[in-house]
Amino acid sequence: PGRPIPEAIQRITGITDELVAGEPPIEVAIARLVAFAGDD
């Protein structure tokens, strides 16, 4: 997300700053989703 994940959100989702470190930013992730979807 490009910024620290709030503690309350980490507790709810289990997703931590360490888990998302090195993962794609939203622009890249959306492009990958669109490629997956294709014409569907």
PDB file of all heavy atoms in Angstrom:
ATOM      1  N   PRO A   1       0.795  -1.228   0.000  1.00  0.00           N
ATOM      2  CA  PRO A   1       0.000   0.000   0.000  1.00  0.00           C
ATOM      3  C   PRO A   1       0.833   1.287   0.000  1.00  0.00           C
ATOM      4  O   PRO A   1       0.287   2.378  -0.101  1.00  0.00           O
ATOM      5  CB  PRO A   1      -0.826  -0.109   1.282  1.00  0.00           C
ATOM      6  CG  PRO A   1       0.026  -0.928   2.191  1.00  0.00           C
ATOM      7  CD  PRO A   1       0.745  -1.903   1.292  1.00  0.00           C
ATOM      8  N   GLY A   2       2.143   1.154   0.119  1.00  0.00           N
ATOM      9  CA  GLY A   2       2.992   2.340   0.067  1.00  0.00           C
ATOM     10  C   GLY A   2       3.063   3.122   1.363  1.00  0.00           C
ATOM     11  O   GLY A   2       3.603   4.223   1.396  1.00  0.00           O
ATOM     12  N   ARG A   3       2.510   2.550   2.408  1.00  0.00           N
ATOM     13  CA  ARG A   3       2.590   3.173   3.736  1.00  0.00           C
ATOM     14  C   ARG A   3       2.298   2.106   4.776  1.00  0.00           C
ATOM     15  O   ARG A   3       1.795   1.027   4.438  1.00  0.00           O
ATOM     16  CB  ARG A   3       1.623   4.340   3.857  1.00  0.00           C
ATOM     17  CG  ARG A   3       0.185   3.957   3.748  1.00  0.00           C
ATOM     18  CD  ARG A   3      -0.657   5.176   3.939  1.00  0.00           C
ATOM     19  NE  ARG A   3      -2.049   4.850   3.755  1.00  0.00           N
ATOM     20  CZ  ARG A   3      -2.989   5.733   3.664  1.00  0.00           C
ATOM     21  NH1 ARG A   3      -2.697   7.005   3.735  1.00  0.00           N
ATOM     22  NH2 ARG A   3      -4.226   5.377   3.522  1.00  0.00           N
ATOM     23  N   PRO A   4       2.614   2.371   6.037  1.00  0.00           N
ATOM     24  CA  PRO A   4       2.385   1.359   7.078  1.00  0.00           C
ATOM     25  C   PRO A   4       0.906   0.980   7.195  1.00  0.00           C
ATOM     26  O   PRO A   4       0.020   1.820   7.047  1.00  0.00           O
ATOM     27  CB  PRO A   4       2.874   2.044   8.359  1.00  0.00           C
ATOM     28  CG  PRO A   4       3.843   3.085   7.891  1.00  0.00           C
ATOM     29  CD  PRO A   4       3.303   3.560   6.565  1.00  0.00           C
ATOM     30  N   ILE A   5       0.675  -0.293   7.456  1.00  0.00           N
ATOM     31  CA  ILE A   5      -0.683  -0.783   7.676  1.00  0.00           C
ATOM     32  C   ILE A   5      -1.025  -0.548   9.142  1.00  0.00           C
ATOM     33  O   ILE A   5      -0.272  -0.971  10.031  1.00  0.00           O
ATOM     34  CB  ILE A   5      -0.779  -2.283   7.329  1.00  0.00           C
ATOM     35  CG1 ILE A   5      -0.414  -2.499   5.857  1.00  0.00           C
ATOM     36  CG2 ILE A   5      -2.175  -2.818   7.635  1.00  0.00           C
ATOM     37  CD1 ILE A   5      -0.239  -3.959   5.480  1.00  0.00           C
ATOM     38  N   PRO A   6      -2.144   0.102   9.422  1.00  0.00           N
ATOM     39  CA  PRO A   6      -2.509   0.360  10.827  1.00  0.00           C
ATOM     40  C   PRO A   6      -2.651  -0.943  11.619  1.00  0.00           C
ATOM     41  O   PRO A   6      -3.077  -1.978  11.088  1.00  0.00           O
ATOM     42  CB  PRO A   6      -3.863   1.069  10.715  1.00  0.00           C
ATOM     43  CG  PRO A   6      -3.861   1.671   9.343  1.00  0.00           C
ATOM     44  CD  PRO A   6      -3.098   0.705   8.490  1.00  0.00           C
ATOM     45  N   GLU A   7      -2.277  -0.884  12.874  1.00  0.00           N
ATOM     46  CA  GLU A   7      -2.320  -2.051  13.762  1.00  0.00           C
ATOM     47  C   GLU A   7      -3.706  -2.694  13.770  1.00  0.00           C
ATOM     48  O   GLU A   7      -3.820  -3.928  13.733  1.00  0.00           O
ATOM     49  CB  GLU A   7      -1.914  -1.640  15.178  1.00  0.00           C
ATOM     50  CG  GLU A   7      -1.785  -2.796  16.145  1.00  0.00           C
ATOM     51  CD  GLU A   7      -0.615  -3.710  15.825  1.00  0.00           C
ATOM     52  OE1 GLU A   7       0.407  -3.230  15.323  1.00  0.00           O
ATOM     53  OE2 GLU A   7      -0.739  -4.923  16.080  1.00  0.00           O
ATOM     54  N   ALA A   8      -4.757  -1.903  13.826  1.00  0.00           N
ATOM     55  CA  ALA A   8      -6.120  -2.455  13.852  1.00  0.00           C
ATOM     56  C   ALA A   8      -6.404  -3.266  12.592  1.00  0.00           C
ATOM     57  O   ALA A   8      -7.012  -4.340  12.660  1.00  0.00           O
ATOM     58  CB  ALA A   8      -7.143  -1.335  13.999  1.00  0.00           C
ATOM     59  N   ILE A   9      -5.957  -2.801  11.454  1.00  0.00           N
ATOM     60  CA  ILE A   9      -6.161  -3.521  10.195  1.00  0.00           C
ATOM     61  C   ILE A   9      -5.321  -4.794  10.180  1.00  0.00           C
ATOM     62  O   ILE A   9      -5.782  -5.846   9.712  1.00  0.00           O
ATOM     63  CB  ILE A   9      -5.826  -2.624   8.991  1.00  0.00           C
ATOM     64  CG1 ILE A   9      -6.710  -1.372   8.984  1.00  0.00           C
ATOM     65  CG2 ILE A   9      -5.934  -3.391   7.690  1.00  0.00           C
ATOM     66  CD1 ILE A   9      -8.193  -1.642   8.974  1.00  0.00           C
ATOM     67  N   GLN A  10      -4.115  -4.739  10.707  1.00  0.00           N
ATOM     68  CA  GLN A  10      -3.280  -5.936  10.789  1.00  0.00           C
ATOM     69  C   GLN A  10      -3.968  -7.012  11.627  1.00  0.00           C
ATOM     70  O   GLN A  10      -3.932  -8.192  11.270  1.00  0.00           O
ATOM     71  CB  GLN A  10      -1.912  -5.603  11.372  1.00  0.00           C
ATOM     72  CG  GLN A  10      -1.043  -4.782  10.436  1.00  0.00           C
ATOM     73  CD  GLN A  10       0.353  -4.574  10.975  1.00  0.00           C
ATOM     74  OE1 GLN A  10       0.970  -5.508  11.476  1.00  0.00           O
ATOM     75  NE2 GLN A  10       0.849  -3.347  10.867  1.00  0.00           N
ATOM     76  N   ARG A  11      -4.599  -6.603  12.721  1.00  0.00           N
ATOM     77  CA  ARG A  11      -5.296  -7.571  13.576  1.00  0.00           C
ATOM     78  C   ARG A  11      -6.489  -8.189  12.856  1.00  0.00           C
ATOM     79  O   ARG A  11      -6.746  -9.381  12.971  1.00  0.00           O
ATOM     80  CB  ARG A  11      -5.751  -6.911  14.878  1.00  0.00           C
ATOM     81  CG  ARG A  11      -4.628  -6.718  15.878  1.00  0.00           C
ATOM     82  CD  ARG A  11      -5.149  -6.375  17.271  1.00  0.00           C
ATOM     83  NE  ARG A  11      -6.050  -5.241  17.306  1.00  0.00           N
ATOM     84  CZ  ARG A  11      -5.662  -3.963  17.433  1.00  0.00           C
ATOM     85  NH1 ARG A  11      -4.374  -3.673  17.532  1.00  0.00           N
ATOM     86  NH2 ARG A  11      -6.549  -2.988  17.455  1.00  0.00           N
ATOM     87  N   ILE A  12      -7.221  -7.384  12.089  1.00  0.00           N
ATOM     88  CA  ILE A  12      -8.407  -7.872  11.382  1.00  0.00           C
ATOM     89  C   ILE A  12      -8.038  -8.800  10.231  1.00  0.00           C
ATOM     90  O   ILE A  12      -8.632  -9.860  10.055  1.00  0.00           O
ATOM     91  CB  ILE A  12      -9.249  -6.687  10.842  1.00  0.00           C
ATOM     92  CG1 ILE A  12      -9.863  -5.912  12.008  1.00  0.00           C
ATOM     93  CG2 ILE A  12     -10.333  -7.167   9.886  1.00  0.00           C
ATOM     94  CD1 ILE A  12     -10.459  -4.582  11.600  1.00  0.00           C
ATOM     95  N   THR A  13      -7.046  -8.399   9.431  1.00  0.00           N
ATOM     96  CA  THR A  13      -6.727  -9.127   8.194  1.00  0.00           C
ATOM     97  C   THR A  13      -5.598 -10.124   8.331  1.00  0.00           C
ATOM     98  O   THR A  13      -5.488 -11.045   7.523  1.00  0.00           O
ATOM     99  CB  THR A  13      -6.342  -8.144   7.076  1.00  0.00           C
ATOM    100  OG1 THR A  13      -5.110  -7.484   7.426  1.00  0.00           O
ATOM    101  CG2 THR A  13      -7.430  -7.124   6.815  1.00  0.00           C
ATOM    102  N   GLY A  14      -4.719  -9.908   9.301  1.00  0.00           N
ATOM    103  CA  GLY A  14      -3.527 -10.735   9.409  1.00  0.00           C
ATOM    104  C   GLY A  14      -2.440 -10.331   8.428  1.00  0.00           C
ATOM    105  O   GLY A  14      -1.402 -10.965   8.346  1.00  0.00           O
ATOM    106  N   ILE A  15      -2.684  -9.272   7.664  1.00  0.00           N
ATOM    107  CA  ILE A  15      -1.704  -8.782   6.690  1.00  0.00           C
ATOM    108  C   ILE A  15      -0.850  -7.718   7.370  1.00  0.00           C
ATOM    109  O   ILE A  15      -1.363  -6.715   7.851  1.00  0.00           O
ATOM    110  CB  ILE A  15      -2.401  -8.219   5.438  1.00  0.00           C
ATOM    111  CG1 ILE A  15      -3.216  -9.327   4.755  1.00  0.00           C
ATOM    112  CG2 ILE A  15      -1.371  -7.631   4.471  1.00  0.00           C
ATOM    113  CD1 ILE A  15      -4.078  -8.831   3.611  1.00  0.00           C
ATOM    114  N   THR A  16       0.454  -7.963   7.389  1.00  0.00           N
ATOM    115  CA  THR A  16       1.382  -7.069   8.073  1.00  0.00           C
ATOM    116  C   THR A  16       2.264  -6.325   7.072  1.00  0.00           C
ATOM    117  O   THR A  16       2.330  -6.684   5.890  1.00  0.00           O
ATOM    118  CB  THR A  16       2.295  -7.871   9.010  1.00  0.00           C
ATOM    119  OG1 THR A  16       3.095  -8.756   8.204  1.00  0.00           O
ATOM    120  CG2 THR A  16       1.502  -8.673  10.027  1.00  0.00           C
ATOM    121  N   ASP A  17       2.962  -5.328   7.568  1.00  0.00           N
ATOM    122  CA  ASP A  17       3.913  -4.593   6.728  1.00  0.00           C
ATOM    123  C   ASP A  17       4.968  -5.546   6.163  1.00  0.00           C
ATOM    124  O   ASP A  17       5.386  -5.406   5.012  1.00  0.00           O
ATOM    125  CB  ASP A  17       4.599  -3.481   7.532  1.00  0.00           C
ATOM    126  CG  ASP A  17       3.632  -2.385   7.934  1.00  0.00           C
ATOM    127  OD1 ASP A  17       2.672  -2.113   7.184  1.00  0.00           O
ATOM    128  OD2 ASP A  17       3.840  -1.790   9.004  1.00  0.00           O
ATOM    129  N   GLU A  18       5.380  -6.515   6.963  1.00  0.00           N
ATOM    130  CA  GLU A  18       6.389  -7.472   6.513  1.00  0.00           C
ATOM    131  C   GLU A  18       5.863  -8.332   5.365  1.00  0.00           C
ATOM    132  O   GLU A  18       6.610  -8.664   4.440  1.00  0.00           O
ATOM    133  CB  GLU A  18       6.838  -8.365   7.677  1.00  0.00           C
ATOM    134  CG  GLU A  18       7.613  -7.636   8.766  1.00  0.00           C
ATOM    135  CD  GLU A  18       6.718  -6.805   9.697  1.00  0.00           C
ATOM    136  OE1 GLU A  18       5.513  -7.091   9.818  1.00  0.00           O
ATOM    137  OE2 GLU A  18       7.253  -5.845  10.292  1.00  0.00           O
ATOM    138  N   LEU A  19       4.584  -8.703   5.414  1.00  0.00           N
ATOM    139  CA  LEU A  19       4.000  -9.522   4.345  1.00  0.00           C
ATOM    140  C   LEU A  19       3.938  -8.787   3.013  1.00  0.00           C
ATOM    141  O   LEU A  19       4.106  -9.392   1.962  1.00  0.00           O
ATOM    142  CB  LEU A  19       2.586  -9.981   4.726  1.00  0.00           C
ATOM    143  CG  LEU A  19       2.471 -11.144   5.678  1.00  0.00           C
ATOM    144  CD1 LEU A  19       1.006 -11.402   6.034  1.00  0.00           C
ATOM    145  CD2 LEU A  19       3.079 -12.393   5.078  1.00  0.00           C
ATOM    146  N   VAL A  20       3.667  -7.496   3.049  1.00  0.00           N
ATOM    147  CA  VAL A  20       3.516  -6.751   1.788  1.00  0.00           C
ATOM    148  C   VAL A  20       4.826  -6.149   1.293  1.00  0.00           C
ATOM    149  O   VAL A  20       4.889  -5.655   0.165  1.00  0.00           O
ATOM    150  CB  VAL A  20       2.427  -5.653   1.889  1.00  0.00           C
ATOM    151  CG1 VAL A  20       1.072  -6.275   2.182  1.00  0.00           C
ATOM    152  CG2 VAL A  20       2.780  -4.600   2.921  1.00  0.00           C
ATOM    153  N   ALA A  21       5.874  -6.205   2.102  1.00  0.00           N
ATOM    154  CA  ALA A  21       7.175  -5.679   1.670  1.00  0.00           C
ATOM    155  C   ALA A  21       7.636  -6.429   0.423  1.00  0.00           C
ATOM    156  O   ALA A  21       7.672  -7.657   0.401  1.00  0.00           O
ATOM    157  CB  ALA A  21       8.206  -5.816   2.786  1.00  0.00           C
ATOM    158  N   GLY A  22       7.930  -5.708  -0.630  1.00  0.00           N
ATOM    159  CA  GLY A  22       8.385  -6.314  -1.872  1.00  0.00           C
ATOM    160  C   GLY A  22       7.266  -6.756  -2.798  1.00  0.00           C
ATOM    161  O   GLY A  22       7.527  -7.214  -3.907  1.00  0.00           O
ATOM    162  N   GLU A  23       6.020  -6.643  -2.355  1.00  0.00           N
ATOM    163  CA  GLU A  23       4.882  -6.977  -3.217  1.00  0.00           C
ATOM    164  C   GLU A  23       4.630  -5.811  -4.179  1.00  0.00           C
ATOM    165  O   GLU A  23       5.094  -4.693  -3.954  1.00  0.00           O
ATOM    166  CB  GLU A  23       3.637  -7.270  -2.382  1.00  0.00           C
ATOM    167  CG  GLU A  23       3.774  -8.490  -1.496  1.00  0.00           C
ATOM    168  CD  GLU A  23       3.922  -9.787  -2.270  1.00  0.00           C
ATOM    169  OE1 GLU A  23       3.457  -9.867  -3.432  1.00  0.00           O
ATOM    170  OE2 GLU A  23       4.501 -10.736  -1.709  1.00  0.00           O
ATOM    171  N   PRO A  24       3.880  -6.047  -5.257  1.00  0.00           N
ATOM    172  CA  PRO A  24       3.680  -4.978  -6.233  1.00  0.00           C
ATOM    173  C   PRO A  24       2.820  -3.840  -5.691  1.00  0.00           C
ATOM    174  O   PRO A  24       1.955  -4.068  -4.845  1.00  0.00           O
ATOM    175  CB  PRO A  24       2.967  -5.685  -7.391  1.00  0.00           C
ATOM    176  CG  PRO A  24       2.293  -6.858  -6.772  1.00  0.00           C
ATOM    177  CD  PRO A  24       3.201  -7.285  -5.643  1.00  0.00           C
ATOM    178  N   PRO A  25       3.047  -2.633  -6.208  1.00  0.00           N
ATOM    179  CA  PRO A  25       2.143  -1.527  -5.877  1.00  0.00           C
ATOM    180  C   PRO A  25       0.805  -1.749  -6.580  1.00  0.00           C
ATOM    181  O   PRO A  25       0.689  -2.596  -7.476  1.00  0.00           O
ATOM    182  CB  PRO A  25       2.870  -0.294  -6.428  1.00  0.00           C
ATOM    183  CG  PRO A  25       3.724  -0.830  -7.529  1.00  0.00           C
ATOM    184  CD  PRO A  25       4.113  -2.221  -7.107  1.00  0.00           C
ATOM    185  N   ILE A  26      -0.200  -0.992  -6.203  1.00  0.00           N
ATOM    186  CA  ILE A  26      -1.553  -1.192  -6.723  1.00  0.00           C
ATOM    187  C   ILE A  26      -1.615  -1.114  -8.248  1.00  0.00           C
ATOM    188  O   ILE A  26      -2.338  -1.897  -8.880  1.00  0.00           O
ATOM    189  CB  ILE A  26      -2.568  -0.217  -6.068  1.00  0.00           C
ATOM    190  CG1 ILE A  26      -4.008  -0.586  -6.450  1.00  0.00           C
ATOM    191  CG2 ILE A  26      -2.263   1.218  -6.429  1.00  0.00           C
ATOM    192  CD1 ILE A  26      -4.445  -1.952  -5.981  1.00  0.00           C
ATOM    193  N   GLU A  27      -0.851  -0.227  -8.868  1.00  0.00           N
ATOM    194  CA  GLU A  27      -0.908  -0.090 -10.328  1.00  0.00           C
ATOM    195  C   GLU A  27      -0.477  -1.384 -11.024  1.00  0.00           C
ATOM    196  O   GLU A  27      -1.095  -1.804 -12.012  1.00  0.00           O
ATOM    197  CB  GLU A  27      -0.021   1.067 -10.794  1.00  0.00           C
ATOM    198  CG  GLU A  27      -0.434   2.426 -10.295  1.00  0.00           C
ATOM    199  CD  GLU A  27       0.067   2.740  -8.875  1.00  0.00           C
ATOM    200  OE1 GLU A  27       0.863   1.961  -8.314  1.00  0.00           O
ATOM    201  OE2 GLU A  27      -0.365   3.777  -8.326  1.00  0.00           O
ATOM    202  N   VAL A  28       0.547  -2.018 -10.512  1.00  0.00           N
ATOM    203  CA  VAL A  28       1.034  -3.274 -11.087  1.00  0.00           C
ATOM    204  C   VAL A  28       0.043  -4.403 -10.791  1.00  0.00           C
ATOM    205  O   VAL A  28      -0.268  -5.223 -11.659  1.00  0.00           O
ATOM    206  CB  VAL A  28       2.443  -3.610 -10.554  1.00  0.00           C
ATOM    207  CG1 VAL A  28       2.882  -4.996 -11.001  1.00  0.00           C
ATOM    208  CG2 VAL A  28       3.436  -2.549 -10.999  1.00  0.00           C
ATOM    209  N   ALA A  29      -0.461  -4.447  -9.567  1.00  0.00           N
ATOM    210  CA  ALA A  29      -1.407  -5.493  -9.181  1.00  0.00           C
ATOM    211  C   ALA A  29      -2.677  -5.424 -10.026  1.00  0.00           C
ATOM    212  O   ALA A  29      -3.184  -6.455 -10.482  1.00  0.00           O
ATOM    213  CB  ALA A  29      -1.738  -5.376  -7.697  1.00  0.00           C
ATOM    214  N   ILE A  30      -3.183  -4.219 -10.265  1.00  0.00           N
ATOM    215  CA  ILE A  30      -4.389  -4.057 -11.096  1.00  0.00           C
ATOM    216  C   ILE A  30      -4.104  -4.489 -12.524  1.00  0.00           C
ATOM    217  O   ILE A  30      -4.933  -5.159 -13.154  1.00  0.00           O
ATOM    218  CB  ILE A  30      -4.907  -2.606 -11.046  1.00  0.00           C
ATOM    219  CG1 ILE A  30      -5.460  -2.295  -9.652  1.00  0.00           C
ATOM    220  CG2 ILE A  30      -5.960  -2.362 -12.120  1.00  0.00           C
ATOM    221  CD1 ILE A  30      -6.712  -3.026  -9.269  1.00  0.00           C
ATOM    222  N   ALA A  31      -2.950  -4.141 -13.061  1.00  0.00           N
ATOM    223  CA  ALA A  31      -2.589  -4.559 -14.418  1.00  0.00           C
ATOM    224  C   ALA A  31      -2.554  -6.086 -14.506  1.00  0.00           C
ATOM    225  O   ALA A  31      -3.021  -6.670 -15.498  1.00  0.00           O
ATOM    226  CB  ALA A  31      -1.251  -3.960 -14.830  1.00  0.00           C
ATOM    227  N   ARG A  32      -2.055  -6.747 -13.488  1.00  0.00           N
ATOM    228  CA  ARG A  32      -2.022  -8.215 -13.471  1.00  0.00           C
ATOM    229  C   ARG A  32      -3.431  -8.793 -13.380  1.00  0.00           C
ATOM    230  O   ARG A  32      -3.741  -9.804 -14.015  1.00  0.00           O
ATOM    231  CB  ARG A  32      -1.153  -8.707 -12.323  1.00  0.00           C
ATOM    232  CG  ARG A  32       0.318  -8.418 -12.535  1.00  0.00           C
ATOM    233  CD  ARG A  32       1.150  -8.860 -11.354  1.00  0.00           C
ATOM    234  NE  ARG A  32       2.555  -8.505 -11.549  1.00  0.00           N
ATOM    235  CZ  ARG A  32       3.481  -8.600 -10.618  1.00  0.00           C
ATOM    236  NH1 ARG A  32       3.177  -9.050  -9.406  1.00  0.00           N
ATOM    237  NH2 ARG A  32       4.730  -8.246 -10.869  1.00  0.00           N
ATOM    238  N   LEU A  33      -4.293  -8.169 -12.592  1.00  0.00           N
ATOM    239  CA  LEU A  33      -5.690  -8.608 -12.498  1.00  0.00           C
ATOM    240  C   LEU A  33      -6.386  -8.464 -13.847  1.00  0.00           C
ATOM    241  O   LEU A  33      -7.096  -9.380 -14.288  1.00  0.00           O
ATOM    242  CB  LEU A  33      -6.433  -7.821 -11.430  1.00  0.00           C
ATOM    243  CG  LEU A  33      -7.940  -8.088 -11.343  1.00  0.00           C
ATOM    244  CD1 LEU A  33      -8.226  -9.543 -10.967  1.00  0.00           C
ATOM    245  CD2 LEU A  33      -8.582  -7.122 -10.362  1.00  0.00           C
ATOM    246  N   VAL A  34      -6.185  -7.342 -14.511  1.00  0.00           N
ATOM    247  CA  VAL A  34      -6.795  -7.117 -15.822  1.00  0.00           C
ATOM    248  C   VAL A  34      -6.291  -8.159 -16.821  1.00  0.00           C
ATOM    249  O   VAL A  34      -7.061  -8.705 -17.621  1.00  0.00           O
ATOM    250  CB  VAL A  34      -6.531  -5.675 -16.301  1.00  0.00           C
ATOM    251  CG1 VAL A  34      -6.911  -5.489 -17.762  1.00  0.00           C
ATOM    252  CG2 VAL A  34      -7.281  -4.684 -15.426  1.00  0.00           C
ATOM    253  N   ALA A  35      -5.011  -8.463 -16.781  1.00  0.00           N
ATOM    254  CA  ALA A  35      -4.451  -9.495 -17.673  1.00  0.00           C
ATOM    255  C   ALA A  35      -5.072 -10.853 -17.372  1.00  0.00           C
ATOM    256  O   ALA A  35      -5.400 -11.612 -18.291  1.00  0.00           O
ATOM    257  CB  ALA A  35      -2.934  -9.545 -17.533  1.00  0.00           C
ATOM    258  N   PHE A  36      -5.260 -11.176 -16.099  1.00  0.00           N
ATOM    259  CA  PHE A  36      -5.904 -12.427 -15.707  1.00  0.00           C
ATOM    260  C   PHE A  36      -7.323 -12.471 -16.240  1.00  0.00           C
ATOM    261  O   PHE A  36      -7.773 -13.481 -16.785  1.00  0.00           O
ATOM    262  CB  PHE A  36      -5.907 -12.576 -14.183  1.00  0.00           C
ATOM    263  CG  PHE A  36      -6.766 -13.687 -13.684  1.00  0.00           C
ATOM    264  CD1 PHE A  36      -6.308 -15.000 -13.691  1.00  0.00           C
ATOM    265  CD2 PHE A  36      -8.038 -13.447 -13.178  1.00  0.00           C
ATOM    266  CE1 PHE A  36      -7.100 -16.042 -13.226  1.00  0.00           C
ATOM    267  CE2 PHE A  36      -8.832 -14.475 -12.709  1.00  0.00           C
ATOM    268  CZ  PHE A  36      -8.365 -15.783 -12.730  1.00  0.00           C
ATOM    269  N   ALA A  37      -8.054 -11.384 -16.114  1.00  0.00           N
ATOM    270  CA  ALA A  37      -9.457 -11.332 -16.540  1.00  0.00           C
ATOM    271  C   ALA A  37      -9.601 -11.439 -18.046  1.00  0.00           C
ATOM    272  O   ALA A  37     -10.559 -12.032 -18.544  1.00  0.00           O
ATOM    273  CB  ALA A  37     -10.104 -10.048 -16.036  1.00  0.00           C
ATOM    274  N   GLY A  38      -8.648 -10.874 -18.788  1.00  0.00           N
ATOM    275  CA  GLY A  38      -8.745 -10.922 -20.242  1.00  0.00           C
ATOM    276  C   GLY A  38     -10.038 -10.303 -20.724  1.00  0.00           C
ATOM    277  O   GLY A  38     -10.408  -9.209 -20.295  1.00  0.00           O
ATOM    278  N   ASP A  39     -10.775 -11.030 -21.540  1.00  0.00           N
ATOM    279  CA  ASP A  39     -12.062 -10.543 -22.064  1.00  0.00           C
ATOM    280  C   ASP A  39     -13.240 -10.998 -21.230  1.00  0.00           C
ATOM    281  O   ASP A  39     -14.391 -10.762 -21.603  1.00  0.00           O
ATOM    282  CB  ASP A  39     -12.245 -11.014 -23.515  1.00  0.00           C
ATOM    283  CG  ASP A  39     -11.253 -10.365 -24.456  1.00  0.00           C
ATOM    284  OD1 ASP A  39     -10.828  -9.214 -24.187  1.00  0.00           O
ATOM    285  OD2 ASP A  39     -10.894 -11.000 -25.462  1.00  0.00           O
ATOM    286  N   ASP A  40     -12.990 -11.678 -20.116  1.00  0.00           N
ATOM    287  CA  ASP A  40     -14.074 -12.174 -19.279  1.00  0.00           C
ATOM    288  C   ASP A  40     -14.794 -11.024 -18.581  1.00  0.00           C
ATOM    289  O   ASP A  40     -14.238  -9.948 -18.368  1.00  0.00           O
ATOM    290  CB  ASP A  40     -13.538 -13.140 -18.214  1.00  0.00           C
ATOM    291  CG  ASP A  40     -13.036 -14.434 -18.823  1.00  0.00           C
ATOM    292  OD1 ASP A  40     -13.327 -14.704 -19.994  1.00  0.00           O
ATOM    293  OD2 ASP A  40     -12.331 -15.172 -18.099  1.00  0.00           O
TER     294      ASP A  40
END
